[in-house]
Amino acid sequence: MNRAIELALDAENEGNLPIGCVICLDHEIIAEGRNTMLFPVFNPGMHAEMNAIGNVSSGLWARANEMICYTTLEPCCMCFGRILLCGIGKVVFGALDTEGGSGCLLHHLPRYYSKQNIPRWQGPIMPEVCDDLYKRAALMFGKINLQINKD
């Protein structure tokens, strides 16, 4: 989680939302990502989890159920969908996303997702650090939405 926090701070320093993510396998980081939805170009789908998943080596996907996704913020519905479809085994997050987190969806998935296919969900594990990151991300996101709706 410490590396995910570093990535979140890097994202914030670049003018993006302060959210970071790493994916681990066998206690090693195999991929990482940070939020890049604002810079270098505006792309609302460039969340930290999406970027990290995109950086996983294709040869490792056969072991997806052994992977752990560590992210500073509880994943949104878009990111959760990709985590679910990729078969990542566990999600560990630093702060609850009280407005857009997708943990509430875990008990409402279709029956064809057996228990083995649903990622284990753990968090918040570092709210003392990640809650502040979340507050700054929410504030920044609110300003972006105001600007978009104004235009």
Protein backbone atom coordinates (compact mmCIF):
# COMPACT_ATOMS: atom_id res chain seq x y z
CA MET A 1 0.00 0.00 0.00
CA ASN A 2 2.92 2.33 0.60
CA ARG A 3 3.84 2.21 -3.09
CA ALA A 4 0.22 2.93 -4.05
CA ILE A 5 0.32 6.00 -1.78
CA GLU A 6 3.54 7.16 -3.48
CA LEU A 7 1.84 6.78 -6.86
CA ALA A 8 -1.17 8.75 -5.61
CA LEU A 9 1.11 11.60 -4.54
CA ASP A 10 2.89 11.44 -7.92
CA ALA A 11 -0.48 11.70 -9.66
CA GLU A 12 -1.44 14.69 -7.54
CA ASN A 13 1.88 16.41 -8.27
CA GLU A 14 1.11 15.99 -11.99
CA GLY A 15 -2.31 17.64 -11.58
CA ASN A 16 -4.34 14.43 -11.49
CA LEU A 17 -6.51 12.96 -8.76
CA PRO A 18 -4.40 11.54 -5.90
CA ILE A 19 -5.17 7.86 -6.40
CA GLY A 20 -2.60 5.10 -6.84
CA CYS A 21 -2.71 1.34 -7.35
CA VAL A 22 -0.37 -1.64 -7.44
CA ILE A 23 -1.08 -5.24 -8.35
CA CYS A 24 0.90 -7.94 -6.58
CA LEU A 25 1.54 -11.61 -7.18
CA ASP A 26 3.67 -13.76 -4.88
CA HIS A 27 4.29 -10.69 -2.66
CA GLU A 28 5.88 -8.81 -5.58
CA ILE A 29 4.55 -5.78 -7.43
CA ILE A 30 3.83 -6.89 -10.99
CA ALA A 31 2.07 -3.73 -12.19
CA GLU A 32 1.30 -0.24 -11.00
CA GLY A 33 -0.75 2.71 -12.06
CA ARG A 34 -1.84 6.13 -10.95
CA ASN A 35 -4.72 8.34 -11.90
CA THR A 36 -4.03 10.07 -15.24
CA MET A 37 -7.51 11.24 -16.17
CA LEU A 38 -6.64 14.94 -16.35
CA PHE A 39 -3.07 15.05 -17.66
CA PRO A 40 -1.46 14.67 -20.12
CA VAL A 41 -4.87 14.73 -21.86
CA PHE A 42 -8.36 14.57 -20.39
CA ASN A 43 -9.57 10.97 -20.42
CA PRO A 44 -12.11 10.15 -17.69
CA GLY A 45 -11.42 6.41 -17.88
CA MET A 46 -7.77 6.61 -16.87
CA HIS A 47 -8.22 5.59 -13.25
CA ALA A 48 -5.33 4.18 -11.23
CA GLU A 49 -6.78 0.66 -11.23
CA MET A 50 -7.44 0.71 -14.97
CA ASN A 51 -3.86 1.82 -15.62
CA ALA A 52 -2.41 -0.81 -13.29
CA ILE A 53 -4.47 -3.62 -14.81
CA GLY A 54 -3.37 -2.50 -18.26
CA ASN A 55 0.25 -2.88 -17.13
CA VAL A 56 -0.06 -6.54 -16.07
CA SER A 57 2.00 -8.79 -18.32
CA SER A 58 -0.28 -10.95 -20.47
CA GLY A 59 1.54 -14.11 -19.40
CA LEU A 60 0.44 -13.65 -15.79
CA TRP A 61 -3.32 -13.58 -16.32
CA ALA A 62 -3.60 -17.35 -15.85
CA ARG A 63 -2.86 -16.63 -12.17
CA ALA A 64 -5.26 -13.70 -11.83
CA ASN A 65 -7.11 -15.27 -8.89
CA GLU A 66 -3.83 -15.12 -6.93
CA MET A 67 -3.33 -11.40 -7.62
CA ILE A 68 -4.02 -8.69 -5.07
CA CYS A 69 -4.99 -5.18 -6.16
CA TYR A 70 -3.88 -2.58 -3.59
CA THR A 71 -5.46 0.81 -4.19
CA THR A 72 -5.60 3.96 -2.12
CA LEU A 73 -9.36 4.34 -2.68
CA GLU A 74 -12.17 1.82 -2.83
CA PRO A 75 -12.66 1.10 -6.56
CA CYS A 76 -15.50 2.69 -8.49
CA CYS A 77 -18.01 0.62 -10.50
CA MET A 78 -15.96 0.85 -13.69
CA CYS A 79 -12.78 -0.35 -12.02
CA PHE A 80 -14.61 -3.03 -10.05
CA GLY A 81 -16.10 -4.35 -13.29
CA ARG A 82 -12.68 -4.71 -14.84
CA ILE A 83 -11.25 -6.30 -11.68
CA LEU A 84 -14.15 -8.77 -11.65
CA LEU A 85 -13.90 -9.64 -15.35
CA CYS A 86 -10.12 -10.06 -15.12
CA GLY A 87 -10.56 -12.46 -12.22
CA ILE A 88 -8.29 -10.64 -9.77
CA GLY A 89 -8.60 -12.49 -6.47
CA LYS A 90 -8.48 -9.75 -3.87
CA VAL A 91 -8.89 -5.99 -3.53
CA VAL A 92 -7.32 -4.13 -0.62
CA PHE A 93 -8.09 -0.43 -0.35
CA GLY A 94 -6.88 2.38 1.85
CA ALA A 95 -10.01 4.57 2.11
CA LEU A 96 -13.72 4.02 1.66
CA ASP A 97 -15.27 5.92 -1.23
CA THR A 98 -18.48 6.92 0.48
CA GLU A 99 -19.96 8.39 -2.70
CA GLY A 100 -18.80 6.09 -5.49
CA GLY A 101 -17.27 2.95 -4.02
CA SER A 102 -18.45 -0.35 -5.42
CA GLY A 103 -18.15 -2.63 -2.39
CA CYS A 104 -21.93 -2.46 -2.07
CA LEU A 105 -22.21 -4.36 -5.36
CA LEU A 106 -20.51 -7.52 -4.08
CA HIS A 107 -23.76 -9.02 -2.77
CA HIS A 108 -25.78 -8.12 -5.87
CA LEU A 109 -23.83 -9.90 -8.59
CA PRO A 110 -25.55 -12.41 -10.89
CA ARG A 111 -25.51 -16.03 -9.73
CA TYR A 112 -23.15 -17.06 -12.52
CA TYR A 113 -20.35 -15.41 -10.54
CA SER A 114 -19.46 -18.15 -8.11
CA LYS A 115 -17.76 -17.28 -4.83
CA GLN A 116 -14.41 -18.24 -6.41
CA ASN A 117 -14.86 -15.57 -9.10
CA ILE A 118 -15.72 -12.68 -6.79
CA PRO A 119 -12.72 -10.79 -5.45
CA ARG A 120 -12.27 -10.72 -1.71
CA TRP A 121 -12.74 -7.16 -0.45
CA GLN A 122 -10.66 -5.71 2.38
CA GLY A 123 -10.57 -2.17 3.69
CA PRO A 124 -10.19 0.49 4.63
CA ILE A 125 -6.75 -0.47 5.85
CA MET A 126 -4.98 2.91 5.99
CA PRO A 127 -7.64 5.57 6.52
CA GLU A 128 -5.21 7.72 8.51
CA VAL A 129 -3.34 8.42 5.25
CA CYS A 130 -5.77 7.54 2.48
CA ASP A 131 -8.81 9.44 3.80
CA ASP A 132 -6.97 12.72 3.18
CA LEU A 133 -6.10 11.57 -0.35
CA TYR A 134 -9.77 10.75 -0.89
CA LYS A 135 -10.91 14.15 0.38
CA ARG A 136 -8.52 15.93 -1.98
CA ALA A 137 -9.60 13.71 -4.89
CA ALA A 138 -13.29 14.34 -4.17
CA LEU A 139 -12.72 18.09 -3.99
CA MET A 140 -10.80 18.10 -7.26
CA PHE A 141 -13.37 15.85 -8.96
CA GLY A 142 -16.18 18.14 -7.82
CA LYS A 143 -14.44 21.14 -9.39
CA ILE A 144 -13.93 19.22 -12.65
CA ASN A 145 -17.63 18.25 -12.80
CA LEU A 146 -18.68 21.85 -12.19
CA GLN A 147 -16.48 23.00 -15.06
CA ILE A 148 -17.73 20.28 -17.42
CA ASN A 149 -21.39 21.01 -16.59
CA LYS A 150 -20.78 24.74 -17.02
CA ASP A 151 -19.37 24.28 -20.57
